[in-house]
Amino acid sequence: MLRAVREACRFCLQRRNLRRTLRIALVVGVVLTLINQGGVITAGHATTATWVRCGLNFVVPFLVSNAGLLSGRS
């Protein structure tokens, strides 16, 4: 199990794969942040919780794109 996780991480961290997944996370993260938190941020009412949510808007698509990358590998 641990070996499989290490192998999956090694595959996802390859330069070509990481480039792709980071781009996806960046684009989707910006769009989600604008949709979900844009009004709060532009109104000047952003709290720590708002910024945590914004961060998750980037983490989730990164994880999902890596899951897709791994599923296509099988």
PDB file of N, CA and C in Angstrom:
ATOM      1  N   MET A   1       0.830  -1.201   0.000  1.00  0.00           N
ATOM      2  CA  MET A   1       0.000   0.000   0.000  1.00  0.00           C
ATOM      3  C   MET A   1       0.871   1.261   0.000  1.00  0.00           C
ATOM      4  N   LEU A   2       1.820   1.321   0.923  1.00  0.00           N
ATOM      5  CA  LEU A   2       2.697   2.494   1.010  1.00  0.00           C
ATOM      6  C   LEU A   2       3.523   2.643  -0.259  1.00  0.00           C
ATOM      7  N   ARG A   3       3.921   1.512  -0.806  1.00  0.00           N
ATOM      8  CA  ARG A   3       4.700   1.543  -2.046  1.00  0.00           C
ATOM      9  C   ARG A   3       3.868   2.118  -3.193  1.00  0.00           C
ATOM     10  N   ALA A   4       2.606   1.751  -3.262  1.00  0.00           N
ATOM     11  CA  ALA A   4       1.715   2.256  -4.308  1.00  0.00           C
ATOM     12  C   ALA A   4       1.508   3.764  -4.168  1.00  0.00           C
ATOM     13  N   VAL A   5       1.389   4.232  -2.948  1.00  0.00           N
ATOM     14  CA  VAL A   5       1.216   5.671  -2.709  1.00  0.00           C
ATOM     15  C   VAL A   5       2.466   6.427  -3.149  1.00  0.00           C
ATOM     16  N   ARG A   6       3.620   5.890  -2.797  1.00  0.00           N
ATOM     17  CA  ARG A   6       4.876   6.536  -3.206  1.00  0.00           C
ATOM     18  C   ARG A   6       5.007   6.579  -4.722  1.00  0.00           C
ATOM     19  N   GLU A   7       4.663   5.477  -5.364  1.00  0.00           N
ATOM     20  CA  GLU A   7       4.740   5.415  -6.823  1.00  0.00           C
ATOM     21  C   GLU A   7       3.769   6.410  -7.465  1.00  0.00           C
ATOM     22  N   ALA A   8       2.563   6.509  -6.911  1.00  0.00           N
ATOM     23  CA  ALA A   8       1.576   7.463  -7.420  1.00  0.00           C
ATOM     24  C   ALA A   8       2.079   8.893  -7.257  1.00  0.00           C
ATOM     25  N   CYS A   9       2.645   9.204  -6.109  1.00  0.00           N
ATOM     26  CA  CYS A   9       3.184  10.555  -5.873  1.00  0.00           C
ATOM     27  C   CYS A   9       4.334  10.848  -6.826  1.00  0.00           C
ATOM     28  N   ARG A  10       5.204   9.885  -7.024  1.00  0.00           N
ATOM     29  CA  ARG A  10       6.328  10.063  -7.939  1.00  0.00           C
ATOM     30  C   ARG A  10       5.822  10.351  -9.355  1.00  0.00           C
ATOM     31  N   PHE A  11       4.785   9.624  -9.774  1.00  0.00           N
ATOM     32  CA  PHE A  11       4.212   9.829 -11.101  1.00  0.00           C
ATOM     33  C   PHE A  11       3.594  11.222 -11.215  1.00  0.00           C
ATOM     34  N   CYS A  12       2.816  11.613 -10.224  1.00  0.00           N
ATOM     35  CA  CYS A  12       2.145  12.923 -10.257  1.00  0.00           C
ATOM     36  C   CYS A  12       3.132  14.075 -10.193  1.00  0.00           C
ATOM     37  N   LEU A  13       4.277  13.859  -9.589  1.00  0.00           N
ATOM     38  CA  LEU A  13       5.265  14.926  -9.446  1.00  0.00           C
ATOM     39  C   LEU A  13       6.238  15.007 -10.616  1.00  0.00           C
ATOM     40  N   GLN A  14       6.059  14.148 -11.619  1.00  0.00           N
ATOM     41  CA  GLN A  14       6.878  14.274 -12.823  1.00  0.00           C
ATOM     42  C   GLN A  14       6.588  15.627 -13.456  1.00  0.00           C
ATOM     43  N   ARG A  15       7.618  16.230 -13.987  1.00  0.00           N
ATOM     44  CA  ARG A  15       7.515  17.602 -14.500  1.00  0.00           C
ATOM     45  C   ARG A  15       6.323  17.796 -15.444  1.00  0.00           C
ATOM     46  N   ARG A  16       6.166  16.919 -16.435  1.00  0.00           N
ATOM     47  CA  ARG A  16       5.089  17.103 -17.419  1.00  0.00           C
ATOM     48  C   ARG A  16       3.710  16.976 -16.772  1.00  0.00           C
ATOM     49  N   ASN A  17       3.573  16.066 -15.810  1.00  0.00           N
ATOM     50  CA  ASN A  17       2.287  15.879 -15.138  1.00  0.00           C
ATOM     51  C   ASN A  17       1.987  17.020 -14.185  1.00  0.00           C
ATOM     52  N   LEU A  18       2.994  17.441 -13.457  1.00  0.00           N
ATOM     53  CA  LEU A  18       2.820  18.527 -12.497  1.00  0.00           C
ATOM     54  C   LEU A  18       2.470  19.828 -13.211  1.00  0.00           C
ATOM     55  N   ARG A  19       3.098  20.057 -14.353  1.00  0.00           N
ATOM     56  CA  ARG A  19       2.782  21.252 -15.139  1.00  0.00           C
ATOM     57  C   ARG A  19       1.308  21.291 -15.516  1.00  0.00           C
ATOM     58  N   ARG A  20       0.820  20.151 -15.969  1.00  0.00           N
ATOM     59  CA  ARG A  20      -0.578  20.054 -16.402  1.00  0.00           C
ATOM     60  C   ARG A  20      -1.533  20.257 -15.223  1.00  0.00           C
ATOM     61  N   THR A  21      -1.291  19.554 -14.133  1.00  0.00           N
ATOM     62  CA  THR A  21      -2.226  19.617 -13.004  1.00  0.00           C
ATOM     63  C   THR A  21      -2.183  20.982 -12.312  1.00  0.00           C
ATOM     64  N   LEU A  22      -1.021  21.599 -12.272  1.00  0.00           N
ATOM     65  CA  LEU A  22      -0.940  22.937 -11.668  1.00  0.00           C
ATOM     66  C   LEU A  22      -1.676  23.977 -12.514  1.00  0.00           C
ATOM     67  N   ARG A  23      -1.576  23.852 -13.825  1.00  0.00           N
ATOM     68  CA  ARG A  23      -2.310  24.775 -14.706  1.00  0.00           C
ATOM     69  C   ARG A  23      -3.814  24.634 -14.511  1.00  0.00           C
ATOM     70  N   ILE A  24      -4.260  23.396 -14.462  1.00  0.00           N
ATOM     71  CA  ILE A  24      -5.686  23.145 -14.252  1.00  0.00           C
ATOM     72  C   ILE A  24      -6.125  23.749 -12.921  1.00  0.00           C
ATOM     73  N   ALA A  25      -5.355  23.476 -11.864  1.00  0.00           N
ATOM     74  CA  ALA A  25      -5.700  23.992 -10.539  1.00  0.00           C
ATOM     75  C   ALA A  25      -5.711  25.513 -10.520  1.00  0.00           C
ATOM     76  N   LEU A  26      -4.796  26.138 -11.221  1.00  0.00           N
ATOM     77  CA  LEU A  26      -4.731  27.595 -11.247  1.00  0.00           C
ATOM     78  C   LEU A  26      -5.966  28.190 -11.929  1.00  0.00           C
ATOM     79  N   VAL A  27      -6.289  27.676 -13.098  1.00  0.00           N
ATOM     80  CA  VAL A  27      -7.435  28.212 -13.842  1.00  0.00           C
ATOM     81  C   VAL A  27      -8.740  27.959 -13.089  1.00  0.00           C
ATOM     82  N   VAL A  28      -8.957  26.719 -12.682  1.00  0.00           N
ATOM     83  CA  VAL A  28     -10.203  26.377 -11.988  1.00  0.00           C
ATOM     84  C   VAL A  28     -10.276  27.094 -10.639  1.00  0.00           C
ATOM     85  N   GLY A  29      -9.146  27.184  -9.943  1.00  0.00           N
ATOM     86  CA  GLY A  29      -9.113  27.863  -8.646  1.00  0.00           C
ATOM     87  C   GLY A  29      -9.487  29.330  -8.741  1.00  0.00           C
ATOM     88  N   VAL A  30      -8.972  30.004  -9.756  1.00  0.00           N
ATOM     89  CA  VAL A  30      -9.308  31.423  -9.952  1.00  0.00           C
ATOM     90  C   VAL A  30     -10.798  31.570 -10.243  1.00  0.00           C
ATOM     91  N   VAL A  31     -11.313  30.729 -11.137  1.00  0.00           N
ATOM     92  CA  VAL A  31     -12.730  30.812 -11.491  1.00  0.00           C
ATOM     93  C   VAL A  31     -13.606  30.553 -10.265  1.00  0.00           C
ATOM     94  N   LEU A  32     -13.304  29.501  -9.520  1.00  0.00           N
ATOM     95  CA  LEU A  32     -14.094  29.188  -8.318  1.00  0.00           C
ATOM     96  C   LEU A  32     -14.009  30.295  -7.276  1.00  0.00           C
ATOM     97  N   THR A  33     -12.828  30.855  -7.116  1.00  0.00           N
ATOM     98  CA  THR A  33     -12.664  31.939  -6.144  1.00  0.00           C
ATOM     99  C   THR A  33     -13.493  33.152  -6.547  1.00  0.00           C
ATOM    100  N   LEU A  34     -13.462  33.497  -7.824  1.00  0.00           N
ATOM    101  CA  LEU A  34     -14.261  34.636  -8.290  1.00  0.00           C
ATOM    102  C   LEU A  34     -15.752  34.386  -8.105  1.00  0.00           C
ATOM    103  N   ILE A  35     -16.187  33.166  -8.414  1.00  0.00           N
ATOM    104  CA  ILE A  35     -17.609  32.841  -8.285  1.00  0.00           C
ATOM    105  C   ILE A  35     -18.030  32.807  -6.816  1.00  0.00           C
ATOM    106  N   ASN A  36     -17.259  32.107  -5.989  1.00  0.00           N
ATOM    107  CA  ASN A  36     -17.686  31.848  -4.611  1.00  0.00           C
ATOM    108  C   ASN A  36     -17.314  32.942  -3.609  1.00  0.00           C
ATOM    109  N   GLN A  37     -16.203  33.608  -3.817  1.00  0.00           N
ATOM    110  CA  GLN A  37     -15.729  34.570  -2.821  1.00  0.00           C
ATOM    111  C   GLN A  37     -15.466  35.964  -3.380  1.00  0.00           C
ATOM    112  N   GLY A  38     -15.656  36.128  -4.668  1.00  0.00           N
ATOM    113  CA  GLY A  38     -15.345  37.420  -5.296  1.00  0.00           C
ATOM    114  C   GLY A  38     -16.055  38.599  -4.669  1.00  0.00           C
ATOM    115  N   GLY A  39     -17.338  38.437  -4.393  1.00  0.00           N
ATOM    116  CA  GLY A  39     -18.101  39.533  -3.791  1.00  0.00           C
ATOM    117  C   GLY A  39     -17.612  39.898  -2.407  1.00  0.00           C
ATOM    118  N   VAL A  40     -17.287  38.907  -1.615  1.00  0.00           N
ATOM    119  CA  VAL A  40     -16.795  39.150  -0.253  1.00  0.00           C
ATOM    120  C   VAL A  40     -15.447  39.865  -0.302  1.00  0.00           C
ATOM    121  N   ILE A  41     -14.573  39.408  -1.205  1.00  0.00           N
ATOM    122  CA  ILE A  41     -13.232  40.002  -1.301  1.00  0.00           C
ATOM    123  C   ILE A  41     -13.320  41.444  -1.808  1.00  0.00           C
ATOM    124  N   THR A  42     -14.089  41.668  -2.864  1.00  0.00           N
ATOM    125  CA  THR A  42     -14.169  43.031  -3.416  1.00  0.00           C
ATOM    126  C   THR A  42     -14.873  44.001  -2.467  1.00  0.00           C
ATOM    127  N   ALA A  43     -15.765  43.480  -1.621  1.00  0.00           N
ATOM    128  CA  ALA A  43     -16.443  44.336  -0.645  1.00  0.00           C
ATOM    129  C   ALA A  43     -15.557  44.635   0.563  1.00  0.00           C
ATOM    130  N   GLY A  44     -14.412  43.966   0.625  1.00  0.00           N
ATOM    131  CA  GLY A  44     -13.490  44.198   1.739  1.00  0.00           C
ATOM    132  C   GLY A  44     -13.879  43.478   3.014  1.00  0.00           C
ATOM    133  N   HIS A  45     -14.682  42.421   2.904  1.00  0.00           N
ATOM    134  CA  HIS A  45     -15.148  41.697   4.085  1.00  0.00           C
ATOM    135  C   HIS A  45     -14.497  40.321   4.233  1.00  0.00           C
ATOM    136  N   ALA A  46     -13.374  40.120   3.579  1.00  0.00           N
ATOM    137  CA  ALA A  46     -12.706  38.819   3.640  1.00  0.00           C
ATOM    138  C   ALA A  46     -12.122  38.576   5.030  1.00  0.00           C
ATOM    139  N   THR A  47     -12.383  37.402   5.553  1.00  0.00           N
ATOM    140  CA  THR A  47     -11.841  36.989   6.845  1.00  0.00           C
ATOM    141  C   THR A  47     -10.829  35.866   6.602  1.00  0.00           C
ATOM    142  N   THR A  48     -10.244  35.387   7.663  1.00  0.00           N
ATOM    143  CA  THR A  48      -9.331  34.249   7.550  1.00  0.00           C
ATOM    144  C   THR A  48     -10.045  33.058   6.931  1.00  0.00           C
ATOM    145  N   ALA A  49     -11.277  32.826   7.328  1.00  0.00           N
ATOM    146  CA  ALA A  49     -12.065  31.717   6.770  1.00  0.00           C
ATOM    147  C   ALA A  49     -12.259  31.885   5.266  1.00  0.00           C
ATOM    148  N   THR A  50     -12.435  33.109   4.816  1.00  0.00           N
ATOM    149  CA  THR A  50     -12.581  33.376   3.383  1.00  0.00           C
ATOM    150  C   THR A  50     -11.326  32.951   2.640  1.00  0.00           C
ATOM    151  N   TRP A  51     -10.167  33.306   3.184  1.00  0.00           N
ATOM    152  CA  TRP A  51      -8.902  32.988   2.522  1.00  0.00           C
ATOM    153  C   TRP A  51      -8.620  31.488   2.553  1.00  0.00           C
ATOM    154  N   VAL A  52      -9.052  30.822   3.611  1.00  0.00           N
ATOM    155  CA  VAL A  52      -8.909  29.357   3.662  1.00  0.00           C
ATOM    156  C   VAL A  52      -9.757  28.733   2.557  1.00  0.00           C
ATOM    157  N   ARG A  53     -10.973  29.223   2.401  1.00  0.00           N
ATOM    158  CA  ARG A  53     -11.851  28.729   1.329  1.00  0.00           C
ATOM    159  C   ARG A  53     -11.224  28.991  -0.039  1.00  0.00           C
ATOM    160  N   CYS A  54     -10.628  30.145  -0.194  1.00  0.00           N
ATOM    161  CA  CYS A  54      -9.961  30.468  -1.460  1.00  0.00           C
ATOM    162  C   CYS A  54      -8.828  29.484  -1.736  1.00  0.00           C
ATOM    163  N   GLY A  55      -8.066  29.167  -0.728  1.00  0.00           N
ATOM    164  CA  GLY A  55      -6.983  28.194  -0.881  1.00  0.00           C
ATOM    165  C   GLY A  55      -7.506  26.833  -1.291  1.00  0.00           C
ATOM    166  N   LEU A  56      -8.610  26.426  -0.690  1.00  0.00           N
ATOM    167  CA  LEU A  56      -9.212  25.137  -1.033  1.00  0.00           C
ATOM    168  C   LEU A  56      -9.737  25.116  -2.461  1.00  0.00           C
ATOM    169  N   ASN A  57     -10.105  26.288  -2.974  1.00  0.00           N
ATOM    170  CA  ASN A  57     -10.534  26.375  -4.369  1.00  0.00           C
ATOM    171  C   ASN A  57      -9.419  25.976  -5.334  1.00  0.00           C
ATOM    172  N   PHE A  58      -8.177  26.019  -4.880  1.00  0.00           N
ATOM    173  CA  PHE A  58      -7.041  25.609  -5.705  1.00  0.00           C
ATOM    174  C   PHE A  58      -6.616  24.176  -5.397  1.00  0.00           C
ATOM    175  N   VAL A  59      -6.711  23.793  -4.143  1.00  0.00           N
ATOM    176  CA  VAL A  59      -6.285  22.451  -3.728  1.00  0.00           C
ATOM    177  C   VAL A  59      -7.192  21.376  -4.324  1.00  0.00           C
ATOM    178  N   VAL A  60      -8.488  21.586  -4.271  1.00  0.00           N
ATOM    179  CA  VAL A  60      -9.436  20.564  -4.740  1.00  0.00           C
ATOM    180  C   VAL A  60      -9.239  20.247  -6.226  1.00  0.00           C
ATOM    181  N   PRO A  61      -9.186  21.228  -7.120  1.00  0.00           N
ATOM    182  CA  PRO A  61      -8.964  20.866  -8.526  1.00  0.00           C
ATOM    183  C   PRO A  61      -7.594  20.223  -8.769  1.00  0.00           C
ATOM    184  N   PHE A  62      -6.605  20.589  -7.970  1.00  0.00           N
ATOM    185  CA  PHE A  62      -5.289  19.953  -8.088  1.00  0.00           C
ATOM    186  C   PHE A  62      -5.391  18.473  -7.750  1.00  0.00           C
ATOM    187  N   LEU A  63      -6.078  18.149  -6.673  1.00  0.00           N
ATOM    188  CA  LEU A  63      -6.248  16.749  -6.278  1.00  0.00           C
ATOM    189  C   LEU A  63      -7.098  15.988  -7.288  1.00  0.00           C
ATOM    190  N   VAL A  64      -8.159  16.605  -7.763  1.00  0.00           N
ATOM    191  CA  VAL A  64      -9.034  15.936  -8.738  1.00  0.00           C
ATOM    192  C   VAL A  64      -8.294  15.699 -10.052  1.00  0.00           C
ATOM    193  N   SER A  65      -7.523  16.666 -10.518  1.00  0.00           N
ATOM    194  CA  SER A  65      -6.794  16.474 -11.763  1.00  0.00           C
ATOM    195  C   SER A  65      -5.724  15.395 -11.614  1.00  0.00           C
ATOM    196  N   ASN A  66      -5.120  15.288 -10.442  1.00  0.00           N
ATOM    197  CA  ASN A  66      -4.165  14.207 -10.202  1.00  0.00           C
ATOM    198  C   ASN A  66      -4.863  12.856 -10.137  1.00  0.00           C
ATOM    199  N   ALA A  67      -6.051  12.807  -9.566  1.00  0.00           N
ATOM    200  CA  ALA A  67      -6.818  11.552  -9.535  1.00  0.00           C
ATOM    201  C   ALA A  67      -7.157  11.122 -10.958  1.00  0.00           C
ATOM    202  N   GLY A  68      -7.528  12.071 -11.801  1.00  0.00           N
ATOM    203  CA  GLY A  68      -7.816  11.751 -13.198  1.00  0.00           C
ATOM    204  C   GLY A  68      -6.565  11.267 -13.928  1.00  0.00           C
ATOM    205  N   LEU A  69      -5.451  11.896 -13.642  1.00  0.00           N
ATOM    206  CA  LEU A  69      -4.183  11.500 -14.219  1.00  0.00           C
ATOM    207  C   LEU A  69      -3.843  10.066 -13.839  1.00  0.00           C
ATOM    208  N   LEU A  70      -4.039   9.735 -12.585  1.00  0.00           N
ATOM    209  CA  LEU A  70      -3.741   8.388 -12.115  1.00  0.00           C
ATOM    210  C   LEU A  70      -4.723   7.368 -12.660  1.00  0.00           C
ATOM    211  N   SER A  71      -5.980   7.737 -12.786  1.00  0.00           N
ATOM    212  CA  SER A  71      -6.970   6.781 -13.297  1.00  0.00           C
ATOM    213  C   SER A  71      -6.727   6.476 -14.773  1.00  0.00           C
ATOM    214  N   GLY A  72      -6.209   7.425 -15.504  1.00  0.00           N
ATOM    215  CA  GLY A  72      -5.901   7.205 -16.908  1.00  0.00           C
ATOM    216  C   GLY A  72      -4.635   6.382 -17.122  1.00  0.00           C
ATOM    217  N   ARG A  73      -3.881   6.231 -16.079  1.00  0.00           N
ATOM    218  CA  ARG A  73      -2.621   5.486 -16.127  1.00  0.00           C
ATOM    219  C   ARG A  73      -2.829   3.992 -16.104  1.00  0.00           C
ATOM    220  N   SER A  74      -3.917   3.549 -15.515  1.00  0.00           N
ATOM    221  CA  SER A  74      -4.149   2.109 -15.317  1.00  0.00           C
ATOM    222  C   SER A  74      -4.360   1.356 -16.574  1.00  0.00           C
TER     223      SER A  74
END
